[in-house]
């Protein structure tokens, strides 16, 4: 039982809460690495890819995808660990 109490205490210390920070645009590299990556903390980055051709040209909208893939068969690999297409 002491083991479970210790584990519970450690989990509470690691808890990052339920809030996700939001950033408009790309944060600077050092802040992002220090405040989010190193802490394993999520960050919602808005507008970071608006300049990408796939986004600007509407290629990845539902309508754009449907126009390209309509009637075609698409295969999806589902793996228990979520790494179906990882190249290790």
Protein backbone atom coordinates (compact mmCIF):
# COMPACT_ATOMS: atom_id res chain seq x y z
CA UNK A 1 0.00 0.00 0.00
CA UNK A 2 2.90 2.36 0.69
CA UNK A 3 4.00 1.86 -2.90
CA UNK A 4 0.63 3.05 -4.20
CA UNK A 5 0.65 6.09 -1.92
CA UNK A 6 4.14 7.02 -3.11
CA UNK A 7 3.11 6.57 -6.74
CA UNK A 8 -0.02 8.67 -6.22
CA UNK A 9 2.06 11.45 -4.62
CA UNK A 10 4.57 11.40 -7.50
CA UNK A 11 1.78 11.54 -10.09
CA UNK A 12 0.28 14.60 -8.38
CA UNK A 13 3.69 16.31 -8.49
CA UNK A 14 3.93 15.65 -12.24
CA UNK A 15 0.41 16.83 -13.03
CA UNK A 16 0.46 19.66 -15.57
CA UNK A 17 -3.21 20.49 -15.15
CA UNK A 18 -5.91 20.45 -17.79
CA UNK A 19 -5.20 23.77 -19.51
CA UNK A 20 -3.38 23.93 -22.84
CA UNK A 21 -1.49 27.13 -23.63
CA UNK A 22 -2.31 28.83 -26.94
CA UNK A 23 0.16 30.76 -29.07
CA UNK A 24 -0.64 32.84 -32.16
CA UNK A 25 2.17 32.23 -34.63
CA UNK A 26 5.40 30.33 -34.18
CA UNK A 27 7.09 30.78 -30.78
CA UNK A 28 10.84 31.38 -30.62
CA UNK A 29 12.88 28.19 -30.55
CA UNK A 30 14.46 28.57 -27.10
CA UNK A 31 11.17 29.36 -25.34
CA UNK A 32 9.40 26.49 -27.09
CA UNK A 33 12.11 23.97 -26.17
CA UNK A 34 12.45 25.21 -22.59
CA UNK A 35 8.79 25.80 -21.72
CA UNK A 36 7.08 23.03 -23.66
CA UNK A 37 9.33 20.31 -25.09
CA UNK A 38 11.54 19.94 -22.00
CA UNK A 39 8.47 19.94 -19.73
CA UNK A 40 6.50 17.60 -21.99
CA UNK A 41 3.74 20.23 -21.99
CA UNK A 42 1.27 20.67 -24.88
CA UNK A 43 0.99 23.92 -26.83
CA UNK A 44 -1.63 24.85 -29.41
CA UNK A 45 0.05 26.93 -32.12
CA UNK A 46 -2.43 28.90 -34.22
CA UNK A 47 -1.61 30.15 -37.69
CA UNK A 48 1.82 28.51 -37.85
CA UNK A 49 1.32 26.87 -41.25
CA UNK A 50 -0.92 29.37 -43.04
CA UNK A 51 1.88 30.17 -45.49
CA UNK A 52 2.35 26.52 -46.56
CA UNK A 53 1.28 25.90 -50.19
CA UNK A 54 -0.93 22.96 -49.19
CA UNK A 55 -2.91 25.24 -46.90
CA UNK A 56 -2.93 28.33 -49.12
CA UNK A 57 -3.97 26.42 -52.24
CA UNK A 58 -6.77 24.61 -50.37
CA UNK A 59 -5.28 21.19 -51.24
CA UNK A 60 -5.95 19.75 -47.78
CA UNK A 61 -9.53 20.94 -47.33
CA UNK A 62 -12.30 18.32 -47.37
CA UNK A 63 -13.37 19.56 -50.77
CA UNK A 64 -9.83 19.43 -52.14
CA UNK A 65 -9.25 15.90 -50.84
CA UNK A 66 -12.60 14.70 -52.10
CA UNK A 67 -11.81 16.07 -55.56
CA UNK A 68 -8.50 14.19 -55.62
CA UNK A 69 -9.63 10.96 -53.96
CA UNK A 70 -13.29 10.62 -54.94
CA UNK A 71 -13.93 7.03 -55.94
CA UNK A 72 -10.41 5.86 -55.07
CA UNK A 73 -9.63 3.27 -52.41
CA UNK A 74 -7.54 4.53 -49.50
CA UNK A 75 -5.74 2.12 -47.16
CA UNK A 76 -5.27 2.96 -43.51
CA UNK A 77 -2.93 0.99 -41.26
CA UNK A 78 -4.04 0.75 -37.64
CA UNK A 79 -1.46 -0.41 -35.13
CA UNK A 80 -1.80 -0.77 -31.36
CA UNK A 81 1.13 1.57 -30.70
CA UNK A 82 0.14 4.12 -33.36
CA UNK A 83 3.40 3.77 -35.30
CA UNK A 84 2.16 2.14 -38.47
CA UNK A 85 4.25 4.31 -40.76
CA UNK A 86 7.25 4.92 -38.51
CA UNK A 87 10.57 4.19 -40.16
CA UNK A 88 12.82 2.73 -37.46
